[in-house]
Amino acid sequence: MDSRSSFSPRHVLIVGAGPGIGTSFASLALRRGSQVTLSARSAGKLDQLKSELADDDSVDTVVTDAADPKAFREMINDYATECDVPIDCALFNVSLWVPGGLDSDLDAITEGLRAGVVSALAMAQAVIPRMRELPSARILFTGGGTADSPMTASFGLGLQKSALRNLALALDKELAETNISVRTLTIRGSIAPGTAFDPELIAKALWSLADEPYVEKEFTGAGN
């Protein structure tokens, strides 16, 4: 068994928090006794999600924009440094749909890579220094089937997810001799409540993956 297993986080950071996987993972973390911090670029959306999740100080929010990786890293670094309860689990749940195939807008493709990949590395750079001081810590990424099943209509998303997988594998190798593990869940389907790809089911799979001995796992909607 991986020496970094048996993980029970005290403080979960969710980057790209929204009404789907982000909220479901936050709700699961709260039920497991974790403090939760939600991060997204809309203060109004964050306030709404916080009010839906809890009416106490178990949920915090931080406004960031993953499309600006350097400013994003600075915000997350400052927040992580000042936390009374250190962040020991960080979930990166950002992706940007970029329409079009060969004629895709290059600026949009670039923005998607900044938000969906470069800021994943920025998040890791921000939280890892303090994570190194903890007994155990996890970095989680939500991947997608477009990483190896490209869609002509939006290969911009496929570029993000394939690069994100590469990042997860590389980071976990670099951190192999530490207390920090990196995990990524490849979601092979369209996320929708009440289906085999219900956000709550995916959140549970992500939580379980944190304790698995391998970096990547697939969520196919069958037998998960």
Protein backbone atom coordinates (compact mmCIF):
# COMPACT_ATOMS: atom_id res chain seq x y z
CA MET A 1 0.00 0.00 0.00
CA ASP A 2 1.13 3.53 -0.76
CA SER A 3 2.87 5.02 2.27
CA ARG A 4 0.84 8.21 1.75
CA SER A 5 -2.59 6.55 2.19
CA SER A 6 -5.22 6.63 4.96
CA PHE A 7 -6.03 10.27 4.32
CA SER A 8 -8.63 12.32 6.19
CA PRO A 9 -8.35 16.02 5.26
CA ARG A 10 -8.90 18.82 7.73
CA HIS A 11 -9.08 21.63 5.15
CA VAL A 12 -10.18 21.17 1.53
CA LEU A 13 -9.61 23.85 -1.12
CA ILE A 14 -11.81 23.62 -4.22
CA VAL A 15 -10.65 25.69 -7.19
CA GLY A 16 -13.29 26.15 -9.86
CA ALA A 17 -16.11 25.73 -7.36
CA GLY A 18 -19.52 25.56 -8.99
CA PRO A 19 -22.94 23.93 -8.63
CA GLY A 20 -21.75 20.56 -9.98
CA ILE A 21 -18.70 18.58 -8.89
CA GLY A 22 -17.36 21.43 -6.76
CA THR A 23 -20.45 21.72 -4.60
CA SER A 24 -20.83 17.94 -4.34
CA PHE A 25 -17.21 17.52 -3.26
CA ALA A 26 -17.56 20.37 -0.78
CA SER A 27 -20.70 18.82 0.70
CA LEU A 28 -18.96 15.46 1.04
CA ALA A 29 -15.94 17.09 2.68
CA LEU A 30 -18.17 18.88 5.20
CA ARG A 31 -19.93 15.63 6.08
CA ARG A 32 -16.51 14.08 6.70
CA GLY A 33 -15.62 16.88 9.10
CA SER A 34 -13.38 19.00 6.87
CA GLN A 35 -13.23 22.75 6.67
CA VAL A 36 -13.88 23.89 3.08
CA THR A 37 -12.67 26.83 1.02
CA LEU A 38 -14.36 27.58 -2.30
CA SER A 39 -12.48 29.46 -5.01
CA ALA A 40 -13.90 30.93 -8.24
CA ARG A 41 -13.90 34.24 -10.07
CA SER A 42 -17.47 35.27 -9.19
CA ALA A 43 -17.94 36.58 -5.64
CA GLY A 44 -21.71 36.40 -6.04
CA LYS A 45 -21.61 32.74 -7.08
CA LEU A 46 -19.31 31.88 -4.20
CA ASP A 47 -21.57 33.60 -1.68
CA GLN A 48 -24.56 31.67 -3.01
CA LEU A 49 -22.74 28.33 -2.86
CA LYS A 50 -21.54 29.07 0.67
CA SER A 51 -25.07 29.86 1.85
CA GLU A 52 -26.32 26.60 0.36
CA LEU A 53 -23.60 24.52 1.98
CA ALA A 54 -23.38 25.83 5.55
CA ASP A 55 -24.50 28.62 7.86
CA ASP A 56 -21.32 28.70 9.94
CA ASP A 57 -17.60 29.33 9.46
CA SER A 58 -16.89 25.81 8.17
CA VAL A 59 -16.99 27.24 4.62
CA ASP A 60 -14.79 30.09 3.41
CA THR A 61 -14.41 31.69 -0.01
CA VAL A 62 -11.61 33.29 -1.98
CA VAL A 63 -12.16 35.11 -5.27
CA THR A 64 -9.60 34.17 -7.94
CA ASP A 65 -9.39 34.06 -11.73
CA ALA A 66 -7.65 30.97 -13.13
CA ALA A 67 -7.31 32.70 -16.51
CA ASP A 68 -4.51 34.79 -14.94
CA PRO A 69 -2.18 32.11 -13.54
CA LYS A 70 0.37 34.40 -11.88
CA ALA A 71 -2.20 36.53 -10.06
CA PHE A 72 -4.12 33.35 -9.23
CA ARG A 73 -1.01 31.74 -7.71
CA GLU A 74 -0.33 34.82 -5.63
CA MET A 75 -3.88 34.88 -4.26
CA ILE A 76 -3.88 31.18 -3.39
CA ASN A 77 -0.39 31.39 -1.89
CA ASP A 78 -1.36 34.31 0.34
CA TYR A 79 -4.53 32.54 1.42
CA ALA A 80 -2.80 29.21 2.08
CA THR A 81 -0.06 30.90 4.09
CA GLU A 82 -2.53 32.69 6.34
CA CYS A 83 -4.93 29.79 6.99
CA ASP A 84 -5.26 28.78 10.65
CA VAL A 85 -6.04 25.23 9.49
CA PRO A 86 -3.54 24.31 6.75
CA ILE A 87 -4.91 23.15 3.39
CA ASP A 88 -4.19 19.44 3.11
CA CYS A 89 -6.38 18.69 0.09
CA ALA A 90 -6.63 20.88 -3.01
CA LEU A 91 -9.04 20.02 -5.85
CA PHE A 92 -8.52 21.70 -9.23
CA ASN A 93 -11.84 21.60 -11.07
CA VAL A 94 -11.35 24.16 -13.83
CA SER A 95 -11.87 23.66 -17.55
CA LEU A 96 -12.83 26.01 -20.36
CA TRP A 97 -14.94 24.88 -23.31
CA VAL A 98 -13.47 26.26 -26.53
CA PRO A 99 -15.74 25.76 -29.57
CA GLY A 100 -14.50 25.00 -33.05
CA GLY A 101 -12.02 22.69 -34.73
CA LEU A 102 -9.34 23.76 -37.19
CA ASP A 103 -10.74 27.28 -37.18
CA SER A 104 -10.64 27.60 -33.38
CA ASP A 105 -9.75 31.03 -32.11
CA LEU A 106 -6.11 30.92 -31.03
CA ASP A 107 -6.62 33.39 -28.21
CA ALA A 108 -9.46 31.25 -26.86
CA ILE A 109 -7.31 28.09 -27.08
CA THR A 110 -4.53 29.90 -25.22
CA GLU A 111 -6.91 31.20 -22.55
CA GLY A 112 -8.24 27.66 -22.09
CA LEU A 113 -4.75 26.30 -21.53
CA ARG A 114 -3.96 29.08 -19.06
CA ALA A 115 -7.12 28.45 -17.07
CA GLY A 116 -7.30 24.67 -17.36
CA VAL A 117 -3.64 23.66 -17.12
CA VAL A 118 -1.20 26.43 -16.24
CA SER A 119 -3.30 27.44 -13.24
CA ALA A 120 -3.37 23.82 -12.08
CA LEU A 121 0.41 24.05 -11.80
CA ALA A 122 0.04 27.48 -10.21
CA MET A 123 -2.29 26.01 -7.57
CA ALA A 124 0.19 23.25 -6.83
CA GLN A 125 3.04 25.76 -6.51
CA ALA A 126 0.95 27.80 -4.08
CA VAL A 127 -0.21 25.03 -1.74
CA ILE A 128 2.69 22.56 -1.76
CA PRO A 129 5.16 24.55 0.39
CA ARG A 130 2.91 24.40 3.47
CA MET A 131 1.68 20.90 2.57
CA ARG A 132 5.25 19.66 2.96
CA GLU A 133 4.98 20.40 6.68
CA LEU A 134 1.91 18.18 7.12
CA PRO A 135 1.69 14.43 7.81
CA SER A 136 -0.24 13.82 4.59
CA ALA A 137 -1.68 15.89 1.74
CA ARG A 138 -3.41 15.47 -1.61
CA ILE A 139 -3.73 17.39 -4.87
CA LEU A 140 -6.66 16.28 -7.03
CA PHE A 141 -7.47 17.12 -10.66
CA THR A 142 -10.72 16.47 -12.53
CA GLY A 143 -9.77 15.10 -15.94
CA GLY A 144 -11.86 14.24 -18.96
CA GLY A 145 -12.22 11.62 -21.67
CA THR A 146 -11.37 14.18 -24.35
CA ALA A 147 -7.75 13.73 -23.29
CA ASP A 148 -7.55 10.57 -25.43
CA SER A 149 -10.92 10.61 -27.26
CA PRO A 150 -10.65 13.94 -29.09
CA MET A 151 -13.71 15.82 -30.29
CA THR A 152 -13.31 17.85 -33.45
CA ALA A 153 -15.91 20.31 -32.21
CA SER A 154 -13.72 21.24 -29.27
CA PHE A 155 -10.18 19.99 -29.33
CA GLY A 156 -9.33 22.97 -27.15
CA LEU A 157 -10.82 21.08 -24.21
CA GLY A 158 -8.95 17.93 -25.20
CA LEU A 159 -5.68 19.83 -25.16
CA GLN A 160 -6.43 21.00 -21.62
CA LYS A 161 -7.34 17.55 -20.31
CA SER A 162 -4.44 15.72 -21.95
CA ALA A 163 -1.98 18.28 -20.61
CA LEU A 164 -3.61 18.13 -17.18
CA ARG A 165 -3.14 14.36 -17.08
CA ASN A 166 0.51 14.77 -18.03
CA LEU A 167 0.91 17.33 -15.27
CA ALA A 168 -0.67 15.04 -12.67
CA LEU A 169 1.60 12.12 -13.58
CA ALA A 170 4.71 14.30 -13.60
CA LEU A 171 3.92 16.05 -10.31
CA ASP A 172 3.23 12.79 -8.50
CA LYS A 173 6.58 11.43 -9.69
CA GLU A 174 8.34 14.55 -8.44
CA LEU A 175 6.59 14.26 -5.07
CA ALA A 176 7.01 10.48 -4.76
CA GLU A 177 9.35 10.70 -1.75
CA THR A 178 7.15 13.21 0.09
CA ASN A 179 3.91 13.12 2.05
CA ILE A 180 2.00 14.60 -0.92
CA SER A 181 0.14 12.60 -3.58
CA VAL A 182 -1.35 13.83 -6.86
CA ARG A 183 -4.44 12.12 -8.29
CA THR A 184 -6.59 12.70 -11.38
CA LEU A 185 -10.03 11.30 -12.22
CA THR A 186 -10.77 10.90 -15.94
CA ILE A 187 -14.51 11.44 -16.38
CA ARG A 188 -15.71 9.64 -19.52
CA GLY A 189 -19.14 11.16 -19.99
CA SER A 190 -21.31 14.24 -19.68
CA ILE A 191 -21.88 15.33 -16.09
CA ALA A 192 -25.56 15.63 -15.21
CA PRO A 193 -27.62 15.14 -12.01
CA GLY A 194 -29.70 11.99 -11.86
CA THR A 195 -27.55 10.13 -14.39
CA ALA A 196 -24.65 7.69 -14.13
CA PHE A 197 -22.47 10.81 -14.20
CA ASP A 198 -24.17 12.55 -11.30
CA PRO A 199 -21.83 15.06 -9.62
CA GLU A 200 -22.34 13.35 -6.25
CA LEU A 201 -21.12 10.03 -7.67
CA ILE A 202 -18.09 11.72 -9.20
CA ALA A 203 -17.33 13.50 -5.93
CA LYS A 204 -17.35 10.17 -4.10
CA ALA A 205 -15.01 8.70 -6.73
CA LEU A 206 -12.63 11.63 -6.30
CA TRP A 207 -12.66 11.19 -2.53
CA SER A 208 -11.91 7.48 -2.84
CA LEU A 209 -9.17 8.12 -5.39
CA ALA A 210 -7.29 10.21 -2.84
CA ASP A 211 -6.47 6.98 -1.02
CA GLU A 212 -5.66 4.85 -4.07
CA PRO A 213 -2.07 3.80 -4.81
CA TYR A 214 -2.22 4.93 -8.46
CA VAL A 215 -2.33 8.41 -9.95
CA GLU A 216 -5.18 8.08 -12.45
CA LYS A 217 -8.56 6.41 -12.37
CA GLU A 218 -11.40 6.39 -14.90
CA PHE A 219 -15.01 7.20 -14.10
CA THR A 220 -17.15 5.50 -16.74
CA GLY A 221 -20.55 5.69 -15.07
CA ALA A 222 -20.72 1.89 -14.85
CA GLY A 223 -19.94 0.17 -11.58
CA ASN A 224 -18.24 3.21 -10.04
